[in-house]
Structures are given as C-alpha cells and as structure tokens.
Amino acid sequence: MTLRSTHEKPVYVRLREVIADAILAGRYSDGDPLPSVRALAAEQGANPLTVAKAYQGFQDEGFIVVKRGVGMFVAPGAAARLRSAQRDDFVKHEWPVIRDRMARLGIDMSDLVAQA
C-alpha cells in the first residue's frame, strides 16, 4: 500500500483510499488482519492519530472489526460492499464528469471500446 501523491484530499481520506484499494485488490481478504495503527502510520509516513481516524471510519461503516487485544480485521463481506459503494460513487459523481468531457472532445464510446 502506498499513499497516493494527490494532496487535494485530507490525509485520512487518502489513507482510507489506500486501505480500501488494498481490500479491493485482494491484499486483505475477509477476516485478514490489517496492519496496526503504528505499523500503517510508519509505512505511510502518517501520524498514528490520522491512521486511527481512517480505521475508525471503516469500523463505523462496518468494513473492519476490532478484536480487543488482538487487532483489526477485514469484516466479512467488506470487499463486496466496498466495491458496490465505490461503483455507486463512480456512477453518481465521476462518470457524469467523464461523459461530459468526452462529449466536449467529441469522443464516442464505441471509439474507446475499439481502442481497448
């Protein structure tokens, strides 16, 4: 996992993206342990409190579970729910911007498919 280089978003949001990307990529599967707050903070060059905030958000949303004295783990079904949430966000927020830009540039979807 590496922290993305874009600095438009707060660090804890970028950390959430790093964690989510790792879960979606299969680096962490359902039930797998996640790095400790201190380990992830050291790996990403972030403040441990910021990492804790990112983990807390995932815990609040049910994507990770905490086992006291043991650590944090990927919750059952987290990858599928993350994928669904990110898919919905893409369709609602990113796709309209991409579609409008394609129209301004005269790019047809069939042209893109043919190039792939």
N, C-alpha and C. Protein backbone atom coordinates (compact mmCIF):
# COMPACT_ATOMS: atom_id res chain seq x y z
N MET A 1 0.85 -1.17 0.00
CA MET A 1 0.00 0.00 0.00
C MET A 1 0.90 1.24 0.00
N THR A 2 0.55 2.19 -0.82
CA THR A 2 1.26 3.46 -0.79
C THR A 2 0.26 4.60 -0.84
N LEU A 3 0.57 5.64 -0.12
CA LEU A 3 -0.30 6.81 -0.07
C LEU A 3 -0.23 7.52 -1.39
N ARG A 4 -1.39 7.80 -1.97
CA ARG A 4 -1.42 8.48 -3.26
C ARG A 4 -0.79 9.85 -3.14
N SER A 5 -0.23 10.34 -4.24
CA SER A 5 0.51 11.60 -4.21
C SER A 5 -0.37 12.83 -4.31
N THR A 6 -1.66 12.68 -4.59
CA THR A 6 -2.51 13.86 -4.69
C THR A 6 -2.74 14.43 -3.31
N HIS A 7 -2.59 15.73 -3.21
CA HIS A 7 -2.71 16.38 -1.91
C HIS A 7 -3.97 17.23 -1.83
N GLU A 8 -4.93 16.98 -2.71
CA GLU A 8 -6.18 17.73 -2.70
C GLU A 8 -7.08 17.25 -1.57
N LYS A 9 -6.90 16.05 -1.12
CA LYS A 9 -7.76 15.45 -0.10
C LYS A 9 -7.02 15.40 1.23
N PRO A 10 -7.76 15.43 2.34
CA PRO A 10 -7.12 15.27 3.64
C PRO A 10 -6.39 13.92 3.73
N VAL A 11 -5.37 13.86 4.57
CA VAL A 11 -4.56 12.66 4.69
C VAL A 11 -5.40 11.45 5.11
N TYR A 12 -6.33 11.65 6.05
CA TYR A 12 -7.11 10.48 6.49
C TYR A 12 -7.97 9.93 5.35
N VAL A 13 -8.42 10.80 4.44
CA VAL A 13 -9.21 10.34 3.28
C VAL A 13 -8.29 9.54 2.35
N ARG A 14 -7.09 10.04 2.13
CA ARG A 14 -6.14 9.30 1.28
C ARG A 14 -5.78 7.96 1.92
N LEU A 15 -5.65 7.94 3.24
CA LEU A 15 -5.38 6.67 3.92
C LEU A 15 -6.55 5.70 3.74
N ARG A 16 -7.77 6.21 3.83
CA ARG A 16 -8.94 5.36 3.60
C ARG A 16 -8.89 4.76 2.19
N GLU A 17 -8.48 5.57 1.21
CA GLU A 17 -8.38 5.07 -0.16
C GLU A 17 -7.32 3.98 -0.27
N VAL A 18 -6.21 4.16 0.42
CA VAL A 18 -5.14 3.16 0.39
C VAL A 18 -5.65 1.84 0.99
N ILE A 19 -6.33 1.94 2.12
CA ILE A 19 -6.85 0.73 2.78
C ILE A 19 -7.91 0.07 1.90
N ALA A 20 -8.84 0.86 1.38
CA ALA A 20 -9.90 0.31 0.52
C ALA A 20 -9.31 -0.34 -0.72
N ASP A 21 -8.33 0.32 -1.35
CA ASP A 21 -7.70 -0.25 -2.54
C ASP A 21 -7.04 -1.59 -2.23
N ALA A 22 -6.41 -1.69 -1.06
CA ALA A 22 -5.77 -2.95 -0.68
C ALA A 22 -6.80 -4.06 -0.48
N ILE A 23 -7.93 -3.72 0.11
CA ILE A 23 -9.00 -4.72 0.29
C ILE A 23 -9.59 -5.12 -1.06
N LEU A 24 -9.85 -4.14 -1.91
CA LEU A 24 -10.44 -4.43 -3.23
C LEU A 24 -9.48 -5.22 -4.12
N ALA A 25 -8.18 -4.97 -3.96
CA ALA A 25 -7.18 -5.68 -4.77
C ALA A 25 -6.92 -7.09 -4.26
N GLY A 26 -7.48 -7.42 -3.09
CA GLY A 26 -7.30 -8.76 -2.55
C GLY A 26 -6.09 -8.91 -1.67
N ARG A 27 -5.41 -7.81 -1.39
CA ARG A 27 -4.25 -7.90 -0.48
C ARG A 27 -4.71 -8.32 0.91
N TYR A 28 -5.90 -7.84 1.27
CA TYR A 28 -6.52 -8.25 2.54
C TYR A 28 -7.90 -8.81 2.21
N SER A 29 -8.14 -10.04 2.60
CA SER A 29 -9.43 -10.70 2.37
C SER A 29 -10.27 -10.65 3.63
N ASP A 30 -11.52 -11.06 3.51
CA ASP A 30 -12.39 -11.12 4.67
C ASP A 30 -11.71 -11.89 5.80
N GLY A 31 -11.69 -11.29 6.98
CA GLY A 31 -11.11 -11.96 8.14
C GLY A 31 -9.62 -11.76 8.31
N ASP A 32 -8.95 -11.20 7.32
CA ASP A 32 -7.50 -10.98 7.42
C ASP A 32 -7.19 -9.84 8.38
N PRO A 33 -6.07 -9.97 9.10
CA PRO A 33 -5.67 -8.87 9.97
C PRO A 33 -5.13 -7.69 9.14
N LEU A 34 -5.39 -6.49 9.62
CA LEU A 34 -4.86 -5.28 9.00
C LEU A 34 -3.64 -4.83 9.79
N PRO A 35 -2.77 -4.04 9.18
CA PRO A 35 -1.62 -3.54 9.94
C PRO A 35 -2.09 -2.73 11.14
N SER A 36 -1.30 -2.76 12.19
CA SER A 36 -1.63 -1.95 13.36
C SER A 36 -1.58 -0.47 12.99
N VAL A 37 -2.17 0.35 13.82
CA VAL A 37 -2.16 1.80 13.59
C VAL A 37 -0.72 2.29 13.46
N ARG A 38 0.13 1.87 14.37
CA ARG A 38 1.54 2.32 14.34
C ARG A 38 2.28 1.81 13.10
N ALA A 39 2.02 0.55 12.73
CA ALA A 39 2.70 -0.01 11.55
C ALA A 39 2.28 0.71 10.28
N LEU A 40 0.97 0.96 10.13
CA LEU A 40 0.50 1.65 8.93
C LEU A 40 0.97 3.10 8.92
N ALA A 41 1.00 3.73 10.08
CA ALA A 41 1.50 5.10 10.17
C ALA A 41 2.96 5.17 9.73
N ALA A 42 3.76 4.24 10.20
CA ALA A 42 5.17 4.21 9.81
C ALA A 42 5.32 3.93 8.32
N GLU A 43 4.55 2.98 7.80
CA GLU A 43 4.62 2.62 6.39
C GLU A 43 4.24 3.79 5.49
N GLN A 44 3.23 4.56 5.90
CA GLN A 44 2.70 5.64 5.07
C GLN A 44 3.27 7.01 5.41
N GLY A 45 4.07 7.08 6.46
CA GLY A 45 4.62 8.37 6.88
C GLY A 45 3.54 9.30 7.39
N ALA A 46 2.58 8.73 8.10
CA ALA A 46 1.43 9.50 8.60
C ALA A 46 1.44 9.49 10.12
N ASN A 47 0.69 10.39 10.69
CA ASN A 47 0.52 10.47 12.13
C ASN A 47 -0.38 9.31 12.58
N PRO A 48 -0.01 8.60 13.66
CA PRO A 48 -0.85 7.50 14.13
C PRO A 48 -2.29 7.91 14.43
N LEU A 49 -2.51 9.13 14.90
CA LEU A 49 -3.88 9.58 15.16
C LEU A 49 -4.69 9.70 13.87
N THR A 50 -4.01 10.06 12.78
CA THR A 50 -4.68 10.16 11.48
C THR A 50 -5.04 8.77 10.97
N VAL A 51 -4.15 7.82 11.16
CA VAL A 51 -4.44 6.44 10.77
C VAL A 51 -5.60 5.90 11.61
N ALA A 52 -5.59 6.20 12.90
CA ALA A 52 -6.67 5.76 13.77
C ALA A 52 -8.01 6.33 13.30
N LYS A 53 -8.01 7.58 12.85
CA LYS A 53 -9.24 8.20 12.34
C LYS A 53 -9.73 7.47 11.09
N ALA A 54 -8.81 7.11 10.20
CA ALA A 54 -9.19 6.38 8.99
C ALA A 54 -9.77 5.01 9.35
N TYR A 55 -9.11 4.30 10.24
CA TYR A 55 -9.60 2.99 10.68
C TYR A 55 -10.96 3.14 11.38
N GLN A 56 -11.13 4.17 12.20
CA GLN A 56 -12.38 4.37 12.92
C GLN A 56 -13.54 4.54 11.94
N GLY A 57 -13.31 5.28 10.86
CA GLY A 57 -14.35 5.45 9.85
C GLY A 57 -14.76 4.11 9.24
N PHE A 58 -13.79 3.27 8.94
CA PHE A 58 -14.09 1.95 8.40
C PHE A 58 -14.81 1.08 9.43
N GLN A 59 -14.41 1.21 10.68
CA GLN A 59 -15.08 0.45 11.73
C GLN A 59 -16.53 0.92 11.87
N ASP A 60 -16.76 2.22 11.86
CA ASP A 60 -18.11 2.77 11.96
C ASP A 60 -19.01 2.29 10.81
N GLU A 61 -18.40 2.12 9.63
CA GLU A 61 -19.15 1.70 8.45
C GLU A 61 -19.26 0.17 8.34
N GLY A 62 -18.60 -0.54 9.25
CA GLY A 62 -18.70 -2.00 9.27
C GLY A 62 -17.77 -2.71 8.31
N PHE A 63 -16.76 -2.01 7.78
CA PHE A 63 -15.81 -2.65 6.86
C PHE A 63 -14.68 -3.36 7.60
N ILE A 64 -14.41 -2.94 8.82
CA ILE A 64 -13.41 -3.63 9.64
C ILE A 64 -13.99 -3.87 11.02
N VAL A 65 -13.48 -4.89 11.67
CA VAL A 65 -13.87 -5.20 13.04
C VAL A 65 -12.63 -5.18 13.92
N VAL A 66 -12.82 -4.76 15.15
CA VAL A 66 -11.72 -4.69 16.10
C VAL A 66 -11.92 -5.78 17.14
N LYS A 67 -10.86 -6.53 17.36
CA LYS A 67 -10.87 -7.54 18.42
C LYS A 67 -9.89 -7.04 19.48
N ARG A 68 -10.44 -6.60 20.59
CA ARG A 68 -9.61 -6.00 21.65
C ARG A 68 -8.44 -6.90 22.00
N GLY A 69 -7.27 -6.29 22.04
CA GLY A 69 -6.07 -7.01 22.41
C GLY A 69 -5.48 -7.85 21.29
N VAL A 70 -6.19 -7.95 20.18
CA VAL A 70 -5.72 -8.78 19.07
C VAL A 70 -5.39 -7.93 17.86
N GLY A 71 -6.31 -7.04 17.48
CA GLY A 71 -6.07 -6.17 16.33
C GLY A 71 -7.32 -5.90 15.52
N MET A 72 -7.10 -5.37 14.33
CA MET A 72 -8.19 -5.03 13.42
C MET A 72 -8.20 -6.02 12.27
N PHE A 73 -9.42 -6.37 11.84
CA PHE A 73 -9.58 -7.37 10.80
C PHE A 73 -10.60 -6.90 9.78
N VAL A 74 -10.44 -7.37 8.55
CA VAL A 74 -11.40 -7.06 7.49
C VAL A 74 -12.70 -7.79 7.82
N ALA A 75 -13.79 -7.05 7.83
CA ALA A 75 -15.10 -7.63 8.16
C ALA A 75 -15.58 -8.54 7.04
N PRO A 76 -16.36 -9.54 7.38
CA PRO A 76 -16.94 -10.40 6.34
C PRO A 76 -17.77 -9.58 5.35
N GLY A 77 -17.55 -9.80 4.07
CA GLY A 77 -18.29 -9.10 3.02
C GLY A 77 -17.80 -7.69 2.74
N ALA A 78 -16.71 -7.27 3.37
CA ALA A 78 -16.23 -5.89 3.22
C ALA A 78 -15.85 -5.58 1.77
N ALA A 79 -15.17 -6.48 1.09
CA ALA A 79 -14.73 -6.20 -0.28
C ALA A 79 -15.93 -5.99 -1.20
N ALA A 80 -16.94 -6.83 -1.07
CA ALA A 80 -18.13 -6.70 -1.93
C ALA A 80 -18.86 -5.39 -1.64
N ARG A 81 -18.98 -5.04 -0.36
CA ARG A 81 -19.67 -3.80 -0.01
C ARG A 81 -18.87 -2.57 -0.41
N LEU A 82 -17.54 -2.63 -0.27
CA LEU A 82 -16.69 -1.52 -0.74
C LEU A 82 -16.81 -1.35 -2.24
N ARG A 83 -16.75 -2.46 -2.97
CA ARG A 83 -16.86 -2.42 -4.43
C ARG A 83 -18.19 -1.80 -4.85
N SER A 84 -19.25 -2.21 -4.21
CA SER A 84 -20.57 -1.67 -4.52
C SER A 84 -20.65 -0.17 -4.21
N ALA A 85 -20.13 0.24 -3.07
CA ALA A 85 -20.15 1.65 -2.70
C ALA A 85 -19.32 2.49 -3.66
N GLN A 86 -18.14 1.98 -4.03
CA GLN A 86 -17.29 2.73 -4.96
C GLN A 86 -17.90 2.76 -6.35
N ARG A 87 -18.55 1.69 -6.76
CA ARG A 87 -19.22 1.65 -8.06
C ARG A 87 -20.34 2.70 -8.09
N ASP A 88 -21.14 2.75 -7.03
CA ASP A 88 -22.22 3.75 -6.95
C ASP A 88 -21.66 5.16 -6.98
N ASP A 89 -20.57 5.40 -6.24
CA ASP A 89 -19.96 6.73 -6.22
C ASP A 89 -19.44 7.11 -7.60
N PHE A 90 -18.83 6.15 -8.30
CA PHE A 90 -18.32 6.41 -9.65
C PHE A 90 -19.46 6.82 -10.58
N VAL A 91 -20.54 6.05 -10.55
CA VAL A 91 -21.67 6.31 -11.45
C VAL A 91 -22.32 7.66 -11.14
N LYS A 92 -22.42 8.00 -9.88
CA LYS A 92 -23.09 9.25 -9.49
C LYS A 92 -22.22 10.49 -9.64
N HIS A 93 -20.91 10.36 -9.36
CA HIS A 93 -20.07 11.55 -9.29
C HIS A 93 -18.99 11.65 -10.37
N GLU A 94 -18.31 10.55 -10.66
CA GLU A 94 -17.20 10.60 -11.61
C GLU A 94 -17.67 10.46 -13.06
N TRP A 95 -18.56 9.49 -13.31
CA TRP A 95 -18.99 9.22 -14.68
C TRP A 95 -19.61 10.44 -15.36
N PRO A 96 -20.47 11.21 -14.71
CA PRO A 96 -21.04 12.38 -15.39
C PRO A 96 -19.97 13.37 -15.86
N VAL A 97 -18.94 13.54 -15.08
CA VAL A 97 -17.84 14.45 -15.46
C VAL A 97 -17.09 13.89 -16.67
N ILE A 98 -16.81 12.58 -16.63
CA ILE A 98 -16.11 11.93 -17.75
C ILE A 98 -16.97 11.98 -19.01
N ARG A 99 -18.25 11.66 -18.88
CA ARG A 99 -19.17 11.66 -20.02
C ARG A 99 -19.25 13.06 -20.65
N ASP A 100 -19.35 14.09 -19.81
CA ASP A 100 -19.41 15.46 -20.33
C ASP A 100 -18.11 15.85 -21.04
N ARG A 101 -16.98 15.45 -20.49
CA ARG A 101 -15.69 15.76 -21.13
C ARG A 101 -15.57 15.03 -22.45
N MET A 102 -16.00 13.78 -22.50
CA MET A 102 -15.98 13.03 -23.75
C MET A 102 -16.82 13.74 -24.81
N ALA A 103 -17.98 14.24 -24.42
CA ALA A 103 -18.86 14.94 -25.36
C ALA A 103 -18.18 16.22 -25.88
N ARG A 104 -17.53 16.96 -24.98
CA ARG A 104 -16.85 18.19 -25.39
C ARG A 104 -15.71 17.90 -26.36
N LEU A 105 -15.05 16.75 -26.16
CA LEU A 105 -13.90 16.40 -27.01
C LEU A 105 -14.31 15.60 -28.24
N GLY A 106 -15.58 15.26 -28.35
CA GLY A 106 -16.05 14.51 -29.50
C GLY A 106 -15.62 13.06 -29.48
N ILE A 107 -15.46 12.50 -28.29
CA ILE A 107 -15.07 11.09 -28.16
C ILE A 107 -16.33 10.25 -28.02
N ASP A 108 -16.46 9.27 -28.89
CA ASP A 108 -17.59 8.36 -28.86
C ASP A 108 -17.20 7.10 -28.09
N MET A 109 -18.15 6.55 -27.33
CA MET A 109 -17.87 5.36 -26.54
C MET A 109 -17.39 4.20 -27.42
N SER A 110 -17.94 4.06 -28.60
CA SER A 110 -17.53 2.97 -29.48
C SER A 110 -16.07 3.12 -29.90
N ASP A 111 -15.60 4.38 -30.03
CA ASP A 111 -14.18 4.61 -30.34
C ASP A 111 -13.28 4.09 -29.22
N LEU A 112 -13.69 4.33 -27.99
CA LEU A 112 -12.92 3.87 -26.84
C LEU A 112 -12.88 2.34 -26.78
N VAL A 113 -14.04 1.73 -27.00
CA VAL A 113 -14.13 0.28 -26.94
C VAL A 113 -13.26 -0.34 -28.04
N ALA A 114 -13.25 0.27 -29.21
CA ALA A 114 -12.45 -0.24 -30.34
C ALA A 114 -10.96 -0.15 -30.05
N GLN A 115 -10.56 0.85 -29.26
CA GLN A 115 -9.13 1.04 -28.96
C GLN A 115 -8.65 0.12 -27.83
N ALA A 116 -9.57 -0.41 -27.07
CA ALA A 116 -9.19 -1.23 -25.91
C ALA A 116 -8.70 -2.58 -26.29
